[in-house]
Amino acid sequence: MQKDEIYRFLDRLDRKYKAELEQISYEYSKKVLGEIGIVFYDMTTIYFESEDEDDLRKTGFSKDGKHQNPQIYLGLLVGMNGYPIGYEIFEGNIY
């Protein structure tokens, strides 16, 4: 399998299977933790070594000082001990 094929699969994974993936993560976290009584949500930026923007990758505020690079925001919801429950990806120019 080529690297580009993996990247294309990840795009399909997000569009087609995100809800199913989050449900599996939630059920696994619940099984490991017993119950989910506390959750944590964190946002981070991920920048790209490129100057080209697209519908998702946009220049904006960067915690890493990479204001000239397109970026995305990643929001991650986790339970205790960092077990993943869900995620969301946002355009890089949203505050």
PDB file of N, CA and C in Angstrom:
ATOM      1  N   MET A   1       0.851  -1.177   0.000  1.00  0.00           N
ATOM      2  CA  MET A   1       0.000   0.000   0.000  1.00  0.00           C
ATOM      3  C   MET A   1       0.895   1.238   0.000  1.00  0.00           C
ATOM      4  N   GLN A   2       0.583   2.173  -0.870  1.00  0.00           N
ATOM      5  CA  GLN A   2       1.345   3.406  -0.990  1.00  0.00           C
ATOM      6  C   GLN A   2       0.858   4.446   0.032  1.00  0.00           C
ATOM      7  N   LYS A   3       1.743   5.382   0.372  1.00  0.00           N
ATOM      8  CA  LYS A   3       1.418   6.429   1.345  1.00  0.00           C
ATOM      9  C   LYS A   3       0.178   7.216   0.926  1.00  0.00           C
ATOM     10  N   ASP A   4       0.059   7.569  -0.356  1.00  0.00           N
ATOM     11  CA  ASP A   4      -1.099   8.337  -0.825  1.00  0.00           C
ATOM     12  C   ASP A   4      -2.399   7.562  -0.649  1.00  0.00           C
ATOM     13  N   GLU A   5      -2.350   6.238  -0.797  1.00  0.00           N
ATOM     14  CA  GLU A   5      -3.540   5.411  -0.601  1.00  0.00           C
ATOM     15  C   GLU A   5      -3.987   5.458   0.858  1.00  0.00           C
ATOM     16  N   ILE A   6      -3.027   5.474   1.754  1.00  0.00           N
ATOM     17  CA  ILE A   6      -3.349   5.560   3.199  1.00  0.00           C
ATOM     18  C   ILE A   6      -4.011   6.905   3.495  1.00  0.00           C
ATOM     19  N   TYR A   7      -3.464   7.999   2.952  1.00  0.00           N
ATOM     20  CA  TYR A   7      -4.046   9.316   3.177  1.00  0.00           C
ATOM     21  C   TYR A   7      -5.469   9.392   2.633  1.00  0.00           C
ATOM     22  N   ARG A   8      -5.698   8.830   1.450  1.00  0.00           N
ATOM     23  CA  ARG A   8      -7.054   8.836   0.878  1.00  0.00           C
ATOM     24  C   ARG A   8      -8.007   8.025   1.756  1.00  0.00           C
ATOM     25  N   PHE A   9      -7.518   6.915   2.307  1.00  0.00           N
ATOM     26  CA  PHE A   9      -8.359   6.122   3.198  1.00  0.00           C
ATOM     27  C   PHE A   9      -8.727   6.921   4.445  1.00  0.00           C
ATOM     28  N   LEU A  10      -7.784   7.676   4.992  1.00  0.00           N
ATOM     29  CA  LEU A  10      -8.071   8.476   6.184  1.00  0.00           C
ATOM     30  C   LEU A  10      -9.152   9.509   5.903  1.00  0.00           C
ATOM     31  N   ASP A  11      -9.151  10.099   4.693  1.00  0.00           N
ATOM     32  CA  ASP A  11     -10.226  11.021   4.323  1.00  0.00           C
ATOM     33  C   ASP A  11     -11.572  10.315   4.339  1.00  0.00           C
ATOM     34  N   ARG A  12     -11.634   9.118   3.781  1.00  0.00           N
ATOM     35  CA  ARG A  12     -12.886   8.351   3.766  1.00  0.00           C
ATOM     36  C   ARG A  12     -13.282   7.932   5.176  1.00  0.00           C
ATOM     37  N   LEU A  13     -12.290   7.579   5.988  1.00  0.00           N
ATOM     38  CA  LEU A  13     -12.565   7.175   7.367  1.00  0.00           C
ATOM     39  C   LEU A  13     -13.286   8.291   8.101  1.00  0.00           C
ATOM     40  N   ASP A  14     -12.813   9.523   7.942  1.00  0.00           N
ATOM     41  CA  ASP A  14     -13.440  10.646   8.628  1.00  0.00           C
ATOM     42  C   ASP A  14     -14.855  10.896   8.115  1.00  0.00           C
ATOM     43  N   ARG A  15     -15.038  10.867   6.804  1.00  0.00           N
ATOM     44  CA  ARG A  15     -16.359  11.176   6.240  1.00  0.00           C
ATOM     45  C   ARG A  15     -17.368  10.055   6.474  1.00  0.00           C
ATOM     46  N   LYS A  16     -16.961   8.817   6.259  1.00  0.00           N
ATOM     47  CA  LYS A  16     -17.916   7.710   6.279  1.00  0.00           C
ATOM     48  C   LYS A  16     -18.059   7.044   7.642  1.00  0.00           C
ATOM     49  N   TYR A  17     -16.962   6.956   8.380  1.00  0.00           N
ATOM     50  CA  TYR A  17     -16.964   6.099   9.558  1.00  0.00           C
ATOM     51  C   TYR A  17     -16.708   6.817  10.875  1.00  0.00           C
ATOM     52  N   LYS A  18     -16.724   8.144  10.863  1.00  0.00           N
ATOM     53  CA  LYS A  18     -16.409   8.896  12.086  1.00  0.00           C
ATOM     54  C   LYS A  18     -17.338   8.532  13.235  1.00  0.00           C
ATOM     55  N   ALA A  19     -18.634   8.515  13.003  1.00  0.00           N
ATOM     56  CA  ALA A  19     -19.590   8.192  14.080  1.00  0.00           C
ATOM     57  C   ALA A  19     -19.361   6.777  14.605  1.00  0.00           C
ATOM     58  N   GLU A  20     -19.123   5.847  13.705  1.00  0.00           N
ATOM     59  CA  GLU A  20     -18.881   4.462  14.122  1.00  0.00           C
ATOM     60  C   GLU A  20     -17.578   4.348  14.908  1.00  0.00           C
ATOM     61  N   LEU A  21     -16.546   5.022  14.454  1.00  0.00           N
ATOM     62  CA  LEU A  21     -15.267   5.013  15.152  1.00  0.00           C
ATOM     63  C   LEU A  21     -15.400   5.614  16.548  1.00  0.00           C
ATOM     64  N   GLU A  22     -16.135   6.724  16.657  1.00  0.00           N
ATOM     65  CA  GLU A  22     -16.344   7.337  17.969  1.00  0.00           C
ATOM     66  C   GLU A  22     -17.155   6.427  18.883  1.00  0.00           C
ATOM     67  N   GLN A  23     -18.134   5.718  18.351  1.00  0.00           N
ATOM     68  CA  GLN A  23     -18.929   4.796  19.159  1.00  0.00           C
ATOM     69  C   GLN A  23     -18.062   3.646  19.684  1.00  0.00           C
ATOM     70  N   ILE A  24     -17.197   3.116  18.830  1.00  0.00           N
ATOM     71  CA  ILE A  24     -16.280   2.055  19.257  1.00  0.00           C
ATOM     72  C   ILE A  24     -15.339   2.571  20.342  1.00  0.00           C
ATOM     73  N   SER A  25     -14.792   3.774  20.152  1.00  0.00           N
ATOM     74  CA  SER A  25     -13.894   4.363  21.157  1.00  0.00           C
ATOM     75  C   SER A  25     -14.616   4.587  22.475  1.00  0.00           C
ATOM     76  N   TYR A  26     -15.846   5.088  22.392  1.00  0.00           N
ATOM     77  CA  TYR A  26     -16.640   5.329  23.600  1.00  0.00           C
ATOM     78  C   TYR A  26     -16.908   4.026  24.340  1.00  0.00           C
ATOM     79  N   GLU A  27     -17.352   2.997  23.617  1.00  0.00           N
ATOM     80  CA  GLU A  27     -17.656   1.707  24.259  1.00  0.00           C
ATOM     81  C   GLU A  27     -16.404   1.095  24.880  1.00  0.00           C
ATOM     82  N   TYR A  28     -15.271   1.207  24.194  1.00  0.00           N
ATOM     83  CA  TYR A  28     -14.028   0.673  24.745  1.00  0.00           C
ATOM     84  C   TYR A  28     -13.620   1.438  26.000  1.00  0.00           C
ATOM     85  N   SER A  29     -13.693   2.764  25.947  1.00  0.00           N
ATOM     86  CA  SER A  29     -13.339   3.575  27.114  1.00  0.00           C
ATOM     87  C   SER A  29     -14.257   3.251  28.293  1.00  0.00           C
ATOM     88  N   LYS A  30     -15.536   3.073  28.013  1.00  0.00           N
ATOM     89  CA  LYS A  30     -16.496   2.725  29.068  1.00  0.00           C
ATOM     90  C   LYS A  30     -16.166   1.362  29.668  1.00  0.00           C
ATOM     91  N   LYS A  31     -15.794   0.421  28.824  1.00  0.00           N
ATOM     92  CA  LYS A  31     -15.425  -0.919  29.295  1.00  0.00           C
ATOM     93  C   LYS A  31     -14.187  -0.859  30.193  1.00  0.00           C
ATOM     94  N   VAL A  32     -13.192  -0.101  29.780  1.00  0.00           N
ATOM     95  CA  VAL A  32     -11.950   0.003  30.543  1.00  0.00           C
ATOM     96  C   VAL A  32     -12.153   0.774  31.842  1.00  0.00           C
ATOM     97  N   LEU A  33     -12.909   1.885  31.780  1.00  0.00           N
ATOM     98  CA  LEU A  33     -13.072   2.750  32.947  1.00  0.00           C
ATOM     99  C   LEU A  33     -14.208   2.330  33.867  1.00  0.00           C
ATOM    100  N   GLY A  34     -15.097   1.479  33.389  1.00  0.00           N
ATOM    101  CA  GLY A  34     -16.259   1.092  34.185  1.00  0.00           C
ATOM    102  C   GLY A  34     -17.424   2.028  33.933  1.00  0.00           C
ATOM    103  N   GLU A  35     -17.188   3.287  34.035  1.00  0.00           N
ATOM    104  CA  GLU A  35     -18.175   4.316  33.691  1.00  0.00           C
ATOM    105  C   GLU A  35     -17.415   5.576  33.303  1.00  0.00           C
ATOM    106  N   ILE A  36     -18.085   6.440  32.621  1.00  0.00           N
ATOM    107  CA  ILE A  36     -17.446   7.696  32.228  1.00  0.00           C
ATOM    108  C   ILE A  36     -18.146   8.816  32.974  1.00  0.00           C
ATOM    109  N   GLY A  37     -17.530   9.241  34.068  1.00  0.00           N
ATOM    110  CA  GLY A  37     -18.118  10.275  34.895  1.00  0.00           C
ATOM    111  C   GLY A  37     -17.479  11.632  34.688  1.00  0.00           C
ATOM    112  N   ILE A  38     -16.301  11.628  34.101  1.00  0.00           N
ATOM    113  CA  ILE A  38     -15.564  12.871  33.865  1.00  0.00           C
ATOM    114  C   ILE A  38     -14.979  12.807  32.464  1.00  0.00           C
ATOM    115  N   VAL A  39     -15.048  13.903  31.735  1.00  0.00           N
ATOM    116  CA  VAL A  39     -14.421  13.981  30.417  1.00  0.00           C
ATOM    117  C   VAL A  39     -13.604  15.261  30.329  1.00  0.00           C
ATOM    118  N   PHE A  40     -12.617  15.241  29.477  1.00  0.00           N
ATOM    119  CA  PHE A  40     -11.756  16.393  29.248  1.00  0.00           C
ATOM    120  C   PHE A  40     -11.783  16.700  27.757  1.00  0.00           C
ATOM    121  N   TYR A  41     -11.762  17.986  27.440  1.00  0.00           N
ATOM    122  CA  TYR A  41     -11.774  18.418  26.046  1.00  0.00           C
ATOM    123  C   TYR A  41     -10.607  19.372  25.843  1.00  0.00           C
ATOM    124  N   ASP A  42      -9.849  19.144  24.808  1.00  0.00           N
ATOM    125  CA  ASP A  42      -8.715  20.012  24.531  1.00  0.00           C
ATOM    126  C   ASP A  42      -8.668  20.319  23.041  1.00  0.00           C
ATOM    127  N   MET A  43      -8.218  21.512  22.730  1.00  0.00           N
ATOM    128  CA  MET A  43      -8.038  21.956  21.345  1.00  0.00           C
ATOM    129  C   MET A  43      -6.550  22.162  21.103  1.00  0.00           C
ATOM    130  N   THR A  44      -6.111  21.785  19.928  1.00  0.00           N
ATOM    131  CA  THR A  44      -4.734  22.049  19.540  1.00  0.00           C
ATOM    132  C   THR A  44      -4.694  22.399  18.061  1.00  0.00           C
ATOM    133  N   THR A  45      -3.623  23.041  17.660  1.00  0.00           N
ATOM    134  CA  THR A  45      -3.446  23.354  16.247  1.00  0.00           C
ATOM    135  C   THR A  45      -2.415  22.401  15.657  1.00  0.00           C
ATOM    136  N   ILE A  46      -2.622  22.066  14.412  1.00  0.00           N
ATOM    137  CA  ILE A  46      -1.664  21.253  13.665  1.00  0.00           C
ATOM    138  C   ILE A  46      -1.369  22.022  12.385  1.00  0.00           C
ATOM    139  N   TYR A  47      -0.112  22.379  12.181  1.00  0.00           N
ATOM    140  CA  TYR A  47       0.220  23.160  10.990  1.00  0.00           C
ATOM    141  C   TYR A  47       0.853  22.263   9.931  1.00  0.00           C
ATOM    142  N   PHE A  48       0.829  22.724   8.698  1.00  0.00           N
ATOM    143  CA  PHE A  48       1.348  21.980   7.561  1.00  0.00           C
ATOM    144  C   PHE A  48       2.505  22.758   6.938  1.00  0.00           C
ATOM    145  N   GLU A  49       3.549  22.059   6.567  1.00  0.00           N
ATOM    146  CA  GLU A  49       4.707  22.671   5.912  1.00  0.00           C
ATOM    147  C   GLU A  49       4.356  22.955   4.450  1.00  0.00           C
ATOM    148  N   SER A  50       3.447  23.849   4.236  1.00  0.00           N
ATOM    149  CA  SER A  50       2.963  24.191   2.908  1.00  0.00           C
ATOM    150  C   SER A  50       2.481  25.631   2.943  1.00  0.00           C
ATOM    151  N   GLU A  51       2.429  26.245   1.793  1.00  0.00           N
ATOM    152  CA  GLU A  51       1.876  27.591   1.721  1.00  0.00           C
ATOM    153  C   GLU A  51       0.473  27.585   1.145  1.00  0.00           C
ATOM    154  N   ASP A  52       0.024  26.433   0.662  1.00  0.00           N
ATOM    155  CA  ASP A  52      -1.270  26.321  -0.001  1.00  0.00           C
ATOM    156  C   ASP A  52      -2.386  26.059   0.995  1.00  0.00           C
ATOM    157  N   GLU A  53      -3.456  26.839   0.885  1.00  0.00           N
ATOM    158  CA  GLU A  53      -4.655  26.626   1.696  1.00  0.00           C
ATOM    159  C   GLU A  53      -5.652  25.795   0.895  1.00  0.00           C
ATOM    160  N   ASP A  54      -6.606  25.207   1.591  1.00  0.00           N
ATOM    161  CA  ASP A  54      -7.736  24.543   0.950  1.00  0.00           C
ATOM    162  C   ASP A  54      -8.967  24.794   1.813  1.00  0.00           C
ATOM    163  N   ASP A  55     -10.014  23.995   1.658  1.00  0.00           N
ATOM    164  CA  ASP A  55     -11.250  24.225   2.418  1.00  0.00           C
ATOM    165  C   ASP A  55     -11.074  24.048   3.915  1.00  0.00           C
ATOM    166  N   LEU A  56     -10.095  23.275   4.338  1.00  0.00           N
ATOM    167  CA  LEU A  56      -9.884  22.993   5.751  1.00  0.00           C
ATOM    168  C   LEU A  56      -8.622  23.671   6.280  1.00  0.00           C
ATOM    169  N   ARG A  57      -7.545  23.544   5.565  1.00  0.00           N
ATOM    170  CA  ARG A  57      -6.260  24.115   5.996  1.00  0.00           C
ATOM    171  C   ARG A  57      -6.230  25.603   5.666  1.00  0.00           C
ATOM    172  N   LYS A  58      -6.230  26.425   6.708  1.00  0.00           N
ATOM    173  CA  LYS A  58      -6.262  27.888   6.554  1.00  0.00           C
ATOM    174  C   LYS A  58      -5.211  28.506   7.473  1.00  0.00           C
ATOM    175  N   THR A  59      -4.677  29.643   7.068  1.00  0.00           N
ATOM    176  CA  THR A  59      -3.764  30.347   7.960  1.00  0.00           C
ATOM    177  C   THR A  59      -4.591  31.053   9.035  1.00  0.00           C
ATOM    178  N   GLY A  60      -4.030  31.143  10.224  1.00  0.00           N
ATOM    179  CA  GLY A  60      -4.719  31.761  11.346  1.00  0.00           C
ATOM    180  C   GLY A  60      -3.795  31.829  12.539  1.00  0.00           C
ATOM    181  N   PHE A  61      -4.350  32.072  13.706  1.00  0.00           N
ATOM    182  CA  PHE A  61      -3.551  32.128  14.928  1.00  0.00           C
ATOM    183  C   PHE A  61      -2.906  30.762  15.162  1.00  0.00           C
ATOM    184  N   SER A  62      -1.634  30.763  15.491  1.00  0.00           N
ATOM    185  CA  SER A  62      -0.908  29.520  15.739  1.00  0.00           C
ATOM    186  C   SER A  62      -0.210  29.590  17.079  1.00  0.00           C
ATOM    187  N   LYS A  63      -0.445  28.608  17.935  1.00  0.00           N
ATOM    188  CA  LYS A  63       0.232  28.553  19.232  1.00  0.00           C
ATOM    189  C   LYS A  63       1.727  28.313  19.052  1.00  0.00           C
ATOM    190  N   ASP A  64       2.103  27.737  17.906  1.00  0.00           N
ATOM    191  CA  ASP A  64       3.509  27.438  17.631  1.00  0.00           C
ATOM    192  C   ASP A  64       4.223  28.569  16.909  1.00  0.00           C
ATOM    193  N   GLY A  65       3.532  29.690  16.670  1.00  0.00           N
ATOM    194  CA  GLY A  65       4.132  30.807  15.971  1.00  0.00           C
ATOM    195  C   GLY A  65       4.272  30.578  14.477  1.00  0.00           C
ATOM    196  N   LYS A  66       3.499  29.659  13.923  1.00  0.00           N
ATOM    197  CA  LYS A  66       3.557  29.329  12.495  1.00  0.00           C
ATOM    198  C   LYS A  66       2.406  30.011  11.759  1.00  0.00           C
ATOM    199  N   HIS A  67       2.254  31.317  11.950  1.00  0.00           N
ATOM    200  CA  HIS A  67       1.138  32.064  11.380  1.00  0.00           C
ATOM    201  C   HIS A  67       1.113  32.053   9.852  1.00  0.00           C
ATOM    202  N   GLN A  68       2.257  31.826   9.228  1.00  0.00           N
ATOM    203  CA  GLN A  68       2.323  31.838   7.773  1.00  0.00           C
ATOM    204  C   GLN A  68       1.930  30.481   7.166  1.00  0.00           C
ATOM    205  N   ASN A  69       1.828  29.430   7.983  1.00  0.00           N
ATOM    206  CA  ASN A  69       1.499  28.093   7.487  1.00  0.00           C
ATOM    207  C   ASN A  69       0.015  27.787   7.644  1.00  0.00           C
ATOM    208  N   PRO A  70      -0.589  27.103   6.665  1.00  0.00           N
ATOM    209  CA  PRO A  70      -1.968  26.631   6.850  1.00  0.00           C
ATOM    210  C   PRO A  70      -2.023  25.642   8.020  1.00  0.00           C
ATOM    211  N   GLN A  71      -3.141  25.631   8.704  1.00  0.00           N
ATOM    212  CA  GLN A  71      -3.288  24.753   9.865  1.00  0.00           C
ATOM    213  C   GLN A  71      -4.731  24.312  10.004  1.00  0.00           C
ATOM    214  N   ILE A  72      -4.931  23.353  10.898  1.00  0.00           N
ATOM    215  CA  ILE A  72      -6.271  22.930  11.299  1.00  0.00           C
ATOM    216  C   ILE A  72      -6.316  22.952  12.819  1.00  0.00           C
ATOM    217  N   TYR A  73      -7.517  22.977  13.361  1.00  0.00           N
ATOM    218  CA  TYR A  73      -7.718  22.806  14.797  1.00  0.00           C
ATOM    219  C   TYR A  73      -8.268  21.409  15.026  1.00  0.00           C
ATOM    220  N   LEU A  74      -7.736  20.750  16.033  1.00  0.00           N
ATOM    221  CA  LEU A  74      -8.203  19.426  16.414  1.00  0.00           C
ATOM    222  C   LEU A  74      -8.741  19.492  17.831  1.00  0.00           C
ATOM    223  N   GLY A  75     -10.009  19.148  17.999  1.00  0.00           N
ATOM    224  CA  GLY A  75     -10.614  19.067  19.324  1.00  0.00           C
ATOM    225  C   GLY A  75     -10.740  17.605  19.700  1.00  0.00           C
ATOM    226  N   LEU A  76     -10.271  17.238  20.888  1.00  0.00           N
ATOM    227  CA  LEU A  76     -10.280  15.847  21.323  1.00  0.00           C
ATOM    228  C   LEU A  76     -10.984  15.726  22.666  1.00  0.00           C
ATOM    229  N   LEU A  77     -11.947  14.823  22.732  1.00  0.00           N
ATOM    230  CA  LEU A  77     -12.682  14.529  23.957  1.00  0.00           C
ATOM    231  C   LEU A  77     -12.167  13.202  24.503  1.00  0.00           C
ATOM    232  N   VAL A  78     -11.687  13.214  25.753  1.00  0.00           N
ATOM    233  CA  VAL A  78     -11.141  11.995  26.361  1.00  0.00           C
ATOM    234  C   VAL A  78     -11.752  11.780  27.741  1.00  0.00           C
ATOM    235  N   GLY A  79     -11.724  10.519  28.174  1.00  0.00           N
ATOM    236  CA  GLY A  79     -12.115  10.161  29.527  1.00  0.00           C
ATOM    237  C   GLY A  79     -10.878  10.128  30.419  1.00  0.00           C
ATOM    238  N   MET A  80     -11.036   9.598  31.615  1.00  0.00           N
ATOM    239  CA  MET A  80      -9.911   9.472  32.537  1.00  0.00           C
ATOM    240  C   MET A  80      -8.782   8.696  31.873  1.00  0.00           C
ATOM    241  N   ASN A  81      -7.546   9.008  32.231  1.00  0.00           N
ATOM    242  CA  ASN A  81      -6.344   8.370  31.697  1.00  0.00           C
ATOM    243  C   ASN A  81      -6.174   8.581  30.193  1.00  0.00           C
ATOM    244  N   GLY A  82      -6.901   9.529  29.617  1.00  0.00           N
ATOM    245  CA  GLY A  82      -6.717   9.873  28.221  1.00  0.00           C
ATOM    246  C   GLY A  82      -7.366   8.948  27.210  1.00  0.00           C
ATOM    247  N   TYR A  83      -8.315   8.107  27.657  1.00  0.00           N
ATOM    248  CA  TYR A  83      -8.991   7.227  26.705  1.00  0.00           C
ATOM    249  C   TYR A  83      -9.876   8.056  25.784  1.00  0.00           C
ATOM    250  N   PRO A  84      -9.693   7.908  24.456  1.00  0.00           N
ATOM    251  CA  PRO A  84     -10.435   8.762  23.513  1.00  0.00           C
ATOM    252  C   PRO A  84     -11.918   8.432  23.455  1.00  0.00           C
ATOM    253  N   ILE A  85     -12.727   9.470  23.308  1.00  0.00           N
ATOM    254  CA  ILE A  85     -14.171   9.307  23.170  1.00  0.00           C
ATOM    255  C   ILE A  85     -14.641   9.898  21.845  1.00  0.00           C
ATOM    256  N   GLY A  86     -14.118  11.045  21.465  1.00  0.00           N
ATOM    257  CA  GLY A  86     -14.530  11.676  20.222  1.00  0.00           C
ATOM    258  C   GLY A  86     -13.571  12.767  19.822  1.00  0.00           C
ATOM    259  N   TYR A  87     -13.719  13.203  18.579  1.00  0.00           N
ATOM    260  CA  TYR A  87     -12.869  14.279  18.079  1.00  0.00           C
ATOM    261  C   TYR A  87     -13.641  15.094  17.052  1.00  0.00           C
ATOM    262  N   GLU A  88     -13.124  16.270  16.786  1.00  0.00           N
ATOM    263  CA  GLU A  88     -13.679  17.115  15.733  1.00  0.00           C
ATOM    264  C   GLU A  88     -12.532  17.911  15.126  1.00  0.00           C
ATOM    265  N   ILE A  89     -12.594  18.122  13.844  1.00  0.00           N
ATOM    266  CA  ILE A  89     -11.581  18.898  13.133  1.00  0.00           C
ATOM    267  C   ILE A  89     -12.231  20.181  12.631  1.00  0.00           C
ATOM    268  N   PHE A  90     -11.539  21.305  12.857  1.00  0.00           N
ATOM    269  CA  PHE A  90     -12.070  22.605  12.465  1.00  0.00           C
ATOM    270  C   PHE A  90     -11.102  23.305  11.522  1.00  0.00           C
ATOM    271  N   GLU A  91     -11.638  24.237  10.738  1.00  0.00           N
ATOM    272  CA  GLU A  91     -10.810  25.043   9.841  1.00  0.00           C
ATOM    273  C   GLU A  91      -9.773  25.828  10.655  1.00  0.00           C
ATOM    274  N   GLY A  92      -8.621  26.052  10.053  1.00  0.00           N
ATOM    275  CA  GLY A  92      -7.502  26.681  10.759  1.00  0.00           C
ATOM    276  C   GLY A  92      -7.651  28.150  11.061  1.00  0.00           C
ATOM    277  N   ASN A  93      -8.661  28.818  10.514  1.00  0.00           N
ATOM    278  CA  ASN A  93      -8.816  30.244  10.783  1.00  0.00           C
ATOM    279  C   ASN A  93      -9.963  30.529  11.765  1.00  0.00           C
ATOM    280  N   ILE A  94     -10.410  29.514  12.488  1.00  0.00           N
ATOM    281  CA  ILE A  94     -11.475  29.666  13.488  1.00  0.00           C
ATOM    282  C   ILE A  94     -10.847  29.820  14.857  1.00  0.00           C
ATOM    283  N   TYR A  95     -11.389  30.746  15.659  1.00  0.00           N
ATOM    284  CA  TYR A  95     -10.841  30.937  17.020  1.00  0.00           C
ATOM    285  C   TYR A  95     -11.776  30.324  18.025  1.00  0.00           C
TER     286      TYR A  95
END
